[in-house]
Amino acid sequence: TGVPIIFGVITTETIEQAIERAGTRLTNRGFEA
C-alpha cells in the first residue's frame, strides 16, 4: 500500500512479559508504536 503500518503486536514467552511490555509510558509498546 505504501502506507506505514506499524507492527505494535507484542510477542512474549509469558504473561508477565506481556504485562511488562504494556506497562507504563516508558515501557508501553503501544506508546512506542
PDB file of all heavy atoms in Angstrom:
ATOM      1  N   THR A   1       0.811  -1.221   0.000  1.00  0.00           N
ATOM      2  CA  THR A   1       0.000   0.000   0.000  1.00  0.00           C
ATOM      3  C   THR A   1       0.843   1.268   0.000  1.00  0.00           C
ATOM      4  O   THR A   1       0.348   2.334  -0.356  1.00  0.00           O
ATOM      5  CB  THR A   1      -0.937   0.041   1.223  1.00  0.00           C
ATOM      6  OG1 THR A   1      -0.141   0.072   2.420  1.00  0.00           O
ATOM      7  CG2 THR A   1      -1.889  -1.142   1.236  1.00  0.00           C
ATOM      8  N   GLY A   2       2.095   1.175   0.445  1.00  0.00           N
ATOM      9  CA  GLY A   2       2.937   2.361   0.572  1.00  0.00           C
ATOM     10  C   GLY A   2       2.612   3.206   1.788  1.00  0.00           C
ATOM     11  O   GLY A   2       3.159   4.278   1.972  1.00  0.00           O
ATOM     12  N   VAL A   3       1.727   2.698   2.634  1.00  0.00           N
ATOM     13  CA  VAL A   3       1.341   3.387   3.870  1.00  0.00           C
ATOM     14  C   VAL A   3       2.116   2.751   5.012  1.00  0.00           C
ATOM     15  O   VAL A   3       2.165   1.527   5.121  1.00  0.00           O
ATOM     16  CB  VAL A   3      -0.181   3.248   4.119  1.00  0.00           C
ATOM     17  CG1 VAL A   3      -0.573   3.834   5.465  1.00  0.00           C
ATOM     18  CG2 VAL A   3      -0.963   3.913   2.996  1.00  0.00           C
ATOM     19  N   PRO A   4       2.719   3.560   5.898  1.00  0.00           N
ATOM     20  CA  PRO A   4       3.394   2.947   7.043  1.00  0.00           C
ATOM     21  C   PRO A   4       2.385   2.214   7.914  1.00  0.00           C
ATOM     22  O   PRO A   4       1.396   2.802   8.357  1.00  0.00           O
ATOM     23  CB  PRO A   4       4.017   4.121   7.791  1.00  0.00           C
ATOM     24  CG  PRO A   4       3.617   5.364   7.090  1.00  0.00           C
ATOM     25  CD  PRO A   4       2.824   5.012   5.887  1.00  0.00           C
ATOM     26  N   ILE A   5       2.621   0.937   8.101  1.00  0.00           N
ATOM     27  CA  ILE A   5       1.801   0.127   9.008  1.00  0.00           C
ATOM     28  C   ILE A   5       2.748  -0.349  10.101  1.00  0.00           C
ATOM     29  O   ILE A   5       3.664  -1.123   9.854  1.00  0.00           O
ATOM     30  CB  ILE A   5       1.126  -1.054   8.300  1.00  0.00           C
ATOM     31  CG1 ILE A   5       0.265  -0.552   7.133  1.00  0.00           C
ATOM     32  CG2 ILE A   5       0.279  -1.848   9.297  1.00  0.00           C
ATOM     33  CD1 ILE A   5      -0.409  -1.652   6.320  1.00  0.00           C
ATOM     34  N   ILE A   6       2.524   0.156  11.288  1.00  0.00           N
ATOM     35  CA  ILE A   6       3.423  -0.088  12.410  1.00  0.00           C
ATOM     36  C   ILE A   6       3.045  -1.390  13.112  1.00  0.00           C
ATOM     37  O   ILE A   6       1.878  -1.608  13.458  1.00  0.00           O
ATOM     38  CB  ILE A   6       3.367   1.095  13.404  1.00  0.00           C
ATOM     39  CG1 ILE A   6       3.627   2.427  12.692  1.00  0.00           C
ATOM     40  CG2 ILE A   6       4.334   0.864  14.571  1.00  0.00           C
ATOM     41  CD1 ILE A   6       4.925   2.520  11.930  1.00  0.00           C
ATOM     42  N   PHE A   7       4.025  -2.242  13.332  1.00  0.00           N
ATOM     43  CA  PHE A   7       3.801  -3.526  13.988  1.00  0.00           C
ATOM     44  C   PHE A   7       3.929  -3.353  15.496  1.00  0.00           C
ATOM     45  O   PHE A   7       5.017  -3.407  16.057  1.00  0.00           O
ATOM     46  CB  PHE A   7       4.801  -4.570  13.473  1.00  0.00           C
ATOM     47  CG  PHE A   7       4.481  -5.970  13.913  1.00  0.00           C
ATOM     48  CD1 PHE A   7       3.375  -6.625  13.409  1.00  0.00           C
ATOM     49  CD2 PHE A   7       5.296  -6.621  14.819  1.00  0.00           C
ATOM     50  CE1 PHE A   7       3.079  -7.925  13.804  1.00  0.00           C
ATOM     51  CE2 PHE A   7       5.016  -7.922  15.218  1.00  0.00           C
ATOM     52  CZ  PHE A   7       3.906  -8.578  14.707  1.00  0.00           C
ATOM     53  N   GLY A   8       2.803  -3.109  16.138  1.00  0.00           N
ATOM     54  CA  GLY A   8       2.761  -2.952  17.585  1.00  0.00           C
ATOM     55  C   GLY A   8       2.202  -4.183  18.273  1.00  0.00           C
ATOM     56  O   GLY A   8       1.579  -4.085  19.329  1.00  0.00           O
ATOM     57  N   VAL A   9       2.419  -5.334  17.660  1.00  0.00           N
ATOM     58  CA  VAL A   9       1.976  -6.600  18.242  1.00  0.00           C
ATOM     59  C   VAL A   9       3.133  -7.148  19.067  1.00  0.00           C
ATOM     60  O   VAL A   9       4.210  -7.402  18.526  1.00  0.00           O
ATOM     61  CB  VAL A   9       1.573  -7.612  17.151  1.00  0.00           C
ATOM     62  CG1 VAL A   9       1.169  -8.948  17.771  1.00  0.00           C
ATOM     63  CG2 VAL A   9       0.445  -7.054  16.285  1.00  0.00           C
ATOM     64  N   ILE A  10       2.909  -7.275  20.356  1.00  0.00           N
ATOM     65  CA  ILE A  10       3.982  -7.814  21.192  1.00  0.00           C
ATOM     66  C   ILE A  10       3.916  -9.335  21.174  1.00  0.00           C
ATOM     67  O   ILE A  10       2.839  -9.925  21.132  1.00  0.00           O
ATOM     68  CB  ILE A  10       3.949  -7.255  22.631  1.00  0.00           C
ATOM     69  CG1 ILE A  10       2.643  -7.589  23.337  1.00  0.00           C
ATOM     70  CG2 ILE A  10       4.186  -5.749  22.633  1.00  0.00           C
ATOM     71  CD1 ILE A  10       2.626  -7.231  24.810  1.00  0.00           C
ATOM     72  N   THR A  11       5.079  -9.952  21.180  1.00  0.00           N
ATOM     73  CA  THR A  11       5.175 -11.406  21.224  1.00  0.00           C
ATOM     74  C   THR A  11       6.048 -11.748  22.428  1.00  0.00           C
ATOM     75  O   THR A  11       7.186 -11.284  22.524  1.00  0.00           O
ATOM     76  CB  THR A  11       5.798 -11.956  19.926  1.00  0.00           C
ATOM     77  OG1 THR A  11       7.068 -11.351  19.714  1.00  0.00           O
ATOM     78  CG2 THR A  11       4.898 -11.670  18.732  1.00  0.00           C
ATOM     79  N   THR A  12       5.480 -12.509  23.336  1.00  0.00           N
ATOM     80  CA  THR A  12       6.201 -12.795  24.572  1.00  0.00           C
ATOM     81  C   THR A  12       6.133 -14.275  24.927  1.00  0.00           C
ATOM     82  O   THR A  12       5.278 -15.006  24.437  1.00  0.00           O
ATOM     83  CB  THR A  12       5.624 -11.992  25.757  1.00  0.00           C
ATOM     84  OG1 THR A  12       4.287 -12.414  26.015  1.00  0.00           O
ATOM     85  CG2 THR A  12       5.648 -10.495  25.482  1.00  0.00           C
ATOM     86  N   GLU A  13       7.029 -14.659  25.784  1.00  0.00           N
ATOM     87  CA  GLU A  13       7.054 -16.033  26.292  1.00  0.00           C
ATOM     88  C   GLU A  13       6.047 -16.236  27.421  1.00  0.00           C
ATOM     89  O   GLU A  13       5.520 -17.327  27.584  1.00  0.00           O
ATOM     90  CB  GLU A  13       8.463 -16.382  26.792  1.00  0.00           C
ATOM     91  CG  GLU A  13       9.528 -16.350  25.717  1.00  0.00           C
ATOM     92  CD  GLU A  13       9.356 -17.460  24.695  1.00  0.00           C
ATOM     93  OE1 GLU A  13       9.003 -18.589  25.079  1.00  0.00           O
ATOM     94  OE2 GLU A  13       9.566 -17.184  23.496  1.00  0.00           O
ATOM     95  N   THR A  14       5.812 -15.162  28.199  1.00  0.00           N
ATOM     96  CA  THR A  14       4.963 -15.297  29.388  1.00  0.00           C
ATOM     97  C   THR A  14       3.991 -14.124  29.505  1.00  0.00           C
ATOM     98  O   THR A  14       4.208 -13.060  28.914  1.00  0.00           O
ATOM     99  CB  THR A  14       5.819 -15.320  30.674  1.00  0.00           C
ATOM    100  OG1 THR A  14       6.452 -14.042  30.821  1.00  0.00           O
ATOM    101  CG2 THR A  14       6.868 -16.426  30.651  1.00  0.00           C
ATOM    102  N   ILE A  15       2.974 -14.332  30.308  1.00  0.00           N
ATOM    103  CA  ILE A  15       2.022 -13.259  30.608  1.00  0.00           C
ATOM    104  C   ILE A  15       2.737 -12.114  31.323  1.00  0.00           C
ATOM    105  O   ILE A  15       2.462 -10.942  31.058  1.00  0.00           O
ATOM    106  CB  ILE A  15       0.845 -13.788  31.453  1.00  0.00           C
ATOM    107  CG1 ILE A  15      -0.020 -14.713  30.588  1.00  0.00           C
ATOM    108  CG2 ILE A  15       0.019 -12.657  32.029  1.00  0.00           C
ATOM    109  CD1 ILE A  15      -1.105 -15.439  31.340  1.00  0.00           C
ATOM    110  N   GLU A  16       3.650 -12.440  32.194  1.00  0.00           N
ATOM    111  CA  GLU A  16       4.386 -11.417  32.934  1.00  0.00           C
ATOM    112  C   GLU A  16       5.155 -10.494  31.992  1.00  0.00           C
ATOM    113  O   GLU A  16       5.186  -9.272  32.182  1.00  0.00           O
ATOM    114  CB  GLU A  16       5.344 -12.058  33.949  1.00  0.00           C
ATOM    115  CG  GLU A  16       4.655 -12.760  35.107  1.00  0.00           C
ATOM    116  CD  GLU A  16       4.068 -14.128  34.735  1.00  0.00           C
ATOM    117  OE1 GLU A  16       4.497 -14.727  33.734  1.00  0.00           O
ATOM    118  OE2 GLU A  16       3.145 -14.578  35.442  1.00  0.00           O
ATOM    119  N   GLN A  17       5.783 -11.066  30.977  1.00  0.00           N
ATOM    120  CA  GLN A  17       6.496 -10.254  29.994  1.00  0.00           C
ATOM    121  C   GLN A  17       5.532  -9.359  29.229  1.00  0.00           C
ATOM    122  O   GLN A  17       5.841  -8.201  28.945  1.00  0.00           O
ATOM    123  CB  GLN A  17       7.250 -11.142  29.010  1.00  0.00           C
ATOM    124  CG  GLN A  17       8.459 -11.821  29.587  1.00  0.00           C
ATOM    125  CD  GLN A  17       9.080 -12.791  28.588  1.00  0.00           C
ATOM    126  OE1 GLN A  17       8.464 -13.202  27.607  1.00  0.00           O
ATOM    127  NE2 GLN A  17      10.337 -13.174  28.857  1.00  0.00           N
ATOM    128  N   ALA A  18       4.366  -9.883  28.895  1.00  0.00           N
ATOM    129  CA  ALA A  18       3.361  -9.088  28.181  1.00  0.00           C
ATOM    130  C   ALA A  18       2.902  -7.912  29.033  1.00  0.00           C
ATOM    131  O   ALA A  18       2.772  -6.784  28.547  1.00  0.00           O
ATOM    132  CB  ALA A  18       2.172  -9.960  27.790  1.00  0.00           C
ATOM    133  N   ILE A  19       2.666  -8.162  30.300  1.00  0.00           N
ATOM    134  CA  ILE A  19       2.245  -7.094  31.213  1.00  0.00           C
ATOM    135  C   ILE A  19       3.326  -6.027  31.303  1.00  0.00           C
ATOM    136  O   ILE A  19       3.043  -4.828  31.277  1.00  0.00           O
ATOM    137  CB  ILE A  19       1.903  -7.670  32.602  1.00  0.00           C
ATOM    138  CG1 ILE A  19       0.628  -8.515  32.511  1.00  0.00           C
ATOM    139  CG2 ILE A  19       1.765  -6.565  33.644  1.00  0.00           C
ATOM    140  CD1 ILE A  19       0.335  -9.349  33.744  1.00  0.00           C
ATOM    141  N   GLU A  20       4.582  -6.455  31.362  1.00  0.00           N
ATOM    142  CA  GLU A  20       5.699  -5.505  31.420  1.00  0.00           C
ATOM    143  C   GLU A  20       5.771  -4.649  30.162  1.00  0.00           C
ATOM    144  O   GLU A  20       5.985  -3.446  30.227  1.00  0.00           O
ATOM    145  CB  GLU A  20       7.005  -6.286  31.600  1.00  0.00           C
ATOM    146  CG  GLU A  20       8.235  -5.425  31.692  1.00  0.00           C
ATOM    147  CD  GLU A  20       9.495  -6.268  31.850  1.00  0.00           C
ATOM    148  OE1 GLU A  20       9.504  -7.173  32.706  1.00  0.00           O
ATOM    149  OE2 GLU A  20      10.447  -6.011  31.090  1.00  0.00           O
ATOM    150  N   ARG A  21       5.569  -5.245  28.998  1.00  0.00           N
ATOM    151  CA  ARG A  21       5.668  -4.505  27.726  1.00  0.00           C
ATOM    152  C   ARG A  21       4.460  -3.623  27.459  1.00  0.00           C
ATOM    153  O   ARG A  21       4.482  -2.796  26.563  1.00  0.00           O
ATOM    154  CB  ARG A  21       5.884  -5.478  26.577  1.00  0.00           C
ATOM    155  CG  ARG A  21       7.260  -6.103  26.673  1.00  0.00           C
ATOM    156  CD  ARG A  21       7.596  -6.947  25.500  1.00  0.00           C
ATOM    157  NE  ARG A  21       8.929  -7.502  25.699  1.00  0.00           N
ATOM    158  CZ  ARG A  21       9.299  -8.682  25.286  1.00  0.00           C
ATOM    159  NH1 ARG A  21       8.461  -9.435  24.633  1.00  0.00           N
ATOM    160  NH2 ARG A  21      10.513  -9.108  25.521  1.00  0.00           N
ATOM    161  N   ALA A  22       3.402  -3.821  28.233  1.00  0.00           N
ATOM    162  CA  ALA A  22       2.214  -2.970  28.095  1.00  0.00           C
ATOM    163  C   ALA A  22       2.072  -2.093  29.335  1.00  0.00           C
ATOM    164  O   ALA A  22       0.996  -1.609  29.647  1.00  0.00           O
ATOM    165  CB  ALA A  22       0.973  -3.836  27.907  1.00  0.00           C
ATOM    166  N   GLY A  23       3.173  -1.852  30.003  1.00  0.00           N
ATOM    167  CA  GLY A  23       3.160  -1.146  31.282  1.00  0.00           C
ATOM    168  C   GLY A  23       3.092   0.357  31.165  1.00  0.00           C
ATOM    169  O   GLY A  23       2.356   0.904  30.361  1.00  0.00           O
ATOM    170  N   THR A  24       3.915   1.015  31.928  1.00  0.00           N
ATOM    171  CA  THR A  24       3.906   2.474  31.990  1.00  0.00           C
ATOM    172  C   THR A  24       4.355   3.073  30.667  1.00  0.00           C
ATOM    173  O   THR A  24       4.827   2.366  29.778  1.00  0.00           O
ATOM    174  CB  THR A  24       4.853   2.968  33.105  1.00  0.00           C
ATOM    175  OG1 THR A  24       6.188   2.579  32.763  1.00  0.00           O
ATOM    176  CG2 THR A  24       4.471   2.406  34.450  1.00  0.00           C
ATOM    177  N   ARG A  25       4.228   4.355  30.536  1.00  0.00           N
ATOM    178  CA  ARG A  25       4.563   5.051  29.289  1.00  0.00           C
ATOM    179  C   ARG A  25       5.954   4.694  28.785  1.00  0.00           C
ATOM    180  O   ARG A  25       6.159   4.507  27.594  1.00  0.00           O
ATOM    181  CB  ARG A  25       4.442   6.560  29.491  1.00  0.00           C
ATOM    182  CG  ARG A  25       4.665   7.340  28.218  1.00  0.00           C
ATOM    183  CD  ARG A  25       4.317   8.795  28.380  1.00  0.00           C
ATOM    184  NE  ARG A  25       5.175   9.495  29.302  1.00  0.00           N
ATOM    185  CZ  ARG A  25       6.253  10.183  28.943  1.00  0.00           C
ATOM    186  NH1 ARG A  25       6.596  10.259  27.697  1.00  0.00           N
ATOM    187  NH2 ARG A  25       6.966  10.809  29.833  1.00  0.00           N
ATOM    188  N   LEU A  26       6.912   4.578  29.668  1.00  0.00           N
ATOM    189  CA  LEU A  26       8.289   4.308  29.244  1.00  0.00           C
ATOM    190  C   LEU A  26       8.474   2.887  28.726  1.00  0.00           C
ATOM    191  O   LEU A  26       9.384   2.635  27.938  1.00  0.00           O
ATOM    192  CB  LEU A  26       9.255   4.589  30.387  1.00  0.00           C
ATOM    193  CG  LEU A  26       9.318   6.052  30.835  1.00  0.00           C
ATOM    194  CD1 LEU A  26      10.239   6.215  32.032  1.00  0.00           C
ATOM    195  CD2 LEU A  26       9.789   6.938  29.689  1.00  0.00           C
ATOM    196  N   THR A  27       7.642   1.956  29.153  1.00  0.00           N
ATOM    197  CA  THR A  27       7.783   0.570  28.706  1.00  0.00           C
ATOM    198  C   THR A  27       6.588   0.088  27.899  1.00  0.00           C
ATOM    199  O   THR A  27       6.525  -1.066  27.545  1.00  0.00           O
ATOM    200  CB  THR A  27       7.998  -0.371  29.901  1.00  0.00           C
ATOM    201  OG1 THR A  27       6.859  -0.291  30.773  1.00  0.00           O
ATOM    202  CG2 THR A  27       9.250  -0.032  30.674  1.00  0.00           C
ATOM    203  N   ASN A  28       5.672   0.963  27.596  1.00  0.00           N
ATOM    204  CA  ASN A  28       4.466   0.569  26.869  1.00  0.00           C
ATOM    205  C   ASN A  28       4.766   0.552  25.369  1.00  0.00           C
ATOM    206  O   ASN A  28       5.045   1.583  24.765  1.00  0.00           O
ATOM    207  CB  ASN A  28       3.320   1.533  27.197  1.00  0.00           C
ATOM    208  CG  ASN A  28       2.009   1.089  26.598  1.00  0.00           C
ATOM    209  OD1 ASN A  28       1.881   0.931  25.399  1.00  0.00           O
ATOM    210  ND2 ASN A  28       1.020   0.895  27.457  1.00  0.00           N
ATOM    211  N   ARG A  29       4.693  -0.633  24.770  1.00  0.00           N
ATOM    212  CA  ARG A  29       4.996  -0.779  23.341  1.00  0.00           C
ATOM    213  C   ARG A  29       3.935  -0.105  22.479  1.00  0.00           C
ATOM    214  O   ARG A  29       4.207   0.263  21.344  1.00  0.00           O
ATOM    215  CB  ARG A  29       5.145  -2.245  22.965  1.00  0.00           C
ATOM    216  CG  ARG A  29       6.273  -2.962  23.702  1.00  0.00           C
ATOM    217  CD  ARG A  29       7.615  -2.275  23.479  1.00  0.00           C
ATOM    218  NE  ARG A  29       8.670  -2.962  24.180  1.00  0.00           N
ATOM    219  CZ  ARG A  29       9.459  -2.419  25.094  1.00  0.00           C
ATOM    220  NH1 ARG A  29       9.304  -1.159  25.425  1.00  0.00           N
ATOM    221  NH2 ARG A  29      10.395  -3.119  25.678  1.00  0.00           N
ATOM    222  N   GLY A  30       2.731   0.077  22.995  1.00  0.00           N
ATOM    223  CA  GLY A  30       1.713   0.832  22.279  1.00  0.00           C
ATOM    224  C   GLY A  30       2.112   2.290  22.145  1.00  0.00           C
ATOM    225  O   GLY A  30       1.915   2.914  21.092  1.00  0.00           O
ATOM    226  N   PHE A  31       2.671   2.852  23.213  1.00  0.00           N
ATOM    227  CA  PHE A  31       3.170   4.231  23.178  1.00  0.00           C
ATOM    228  C   PHE A  31       4.250   4.352  22.114  1.00  0.00           C
ATOM    229  O   PHE A  31       4.246   5.280  21.301  1.00  0.00           O
ATOM    230  CB  PHE A  31       3.702   4.615  24.561  1.00  0.00           C
ATOM    231  CG  PHE A  31       4.011   6.083  24.709  1.00  0.00           C
ATOM    232  CD1 PHE A  31       3.044   6.964  25.177  1.00  0.00           C
ATOM    233  CD2 PHE A  31       5.259   6.585  24.390  1.00  0.00           C
ATOM    234  CE1 PHE A  31       3.317   8.320  25.312  1.00  0.00           C
ATOM    235  CE2 PHE A  31       5.555   7.938  24.522  1.00  0.00           C
ATOM    236  CZ  PHE A  31       4.580   8.810  24.988  1.00  0.00           C
ATOM    237  N   GLU A  32       5.173   3.395  22.105  1.00  0.00           N
ATOM    238  CA  GLU A  32       6.256   3.406  21.115  1.00  0.00           C
ATOM    239  C   GLU A  32       5.712   3.284  19.695  1.00  0.00           C
ATOM    240  O   GLU A  32       6.219   3.924  18.773  1.00  0.00           O
ATOM    241  CB  GLU A  32       7.240   2.268  21.387  1.00  0.00           C
ATOM    242  CG  GLU A  32       8.053   2.470  22.633  1.00  0.00           C
ATOM    243  CD  GLU A  32       8.968   1.295  22.931  1.00  0.00           C
ATOM    244  OE1 GLU A  32       8.949   0.296  22.172  1.00  0.00           O
ATOM    245  OE2 GLU A  32       9.709   1.373  23.925  1.00  0.00           O
ATOM    246  N   ALA A  33       4.673   2.466  19.504  1.00  0.00           N
ATOM    247  CA  ALA A  33       4.082   2.296  18.176  1.00  0.00           C
ATOM    248  C   ALA A  33       3.476   3.615  17.694  1.00  0.00           C
ATOM    249  O   ALA A  33       3.606   3.972  16.517  1.00  0.00           O
ATOM    250  CB  ALA A  33       3.033   1.192  18.201  1.00  0.00           C
TER     251      ALA A  33
END
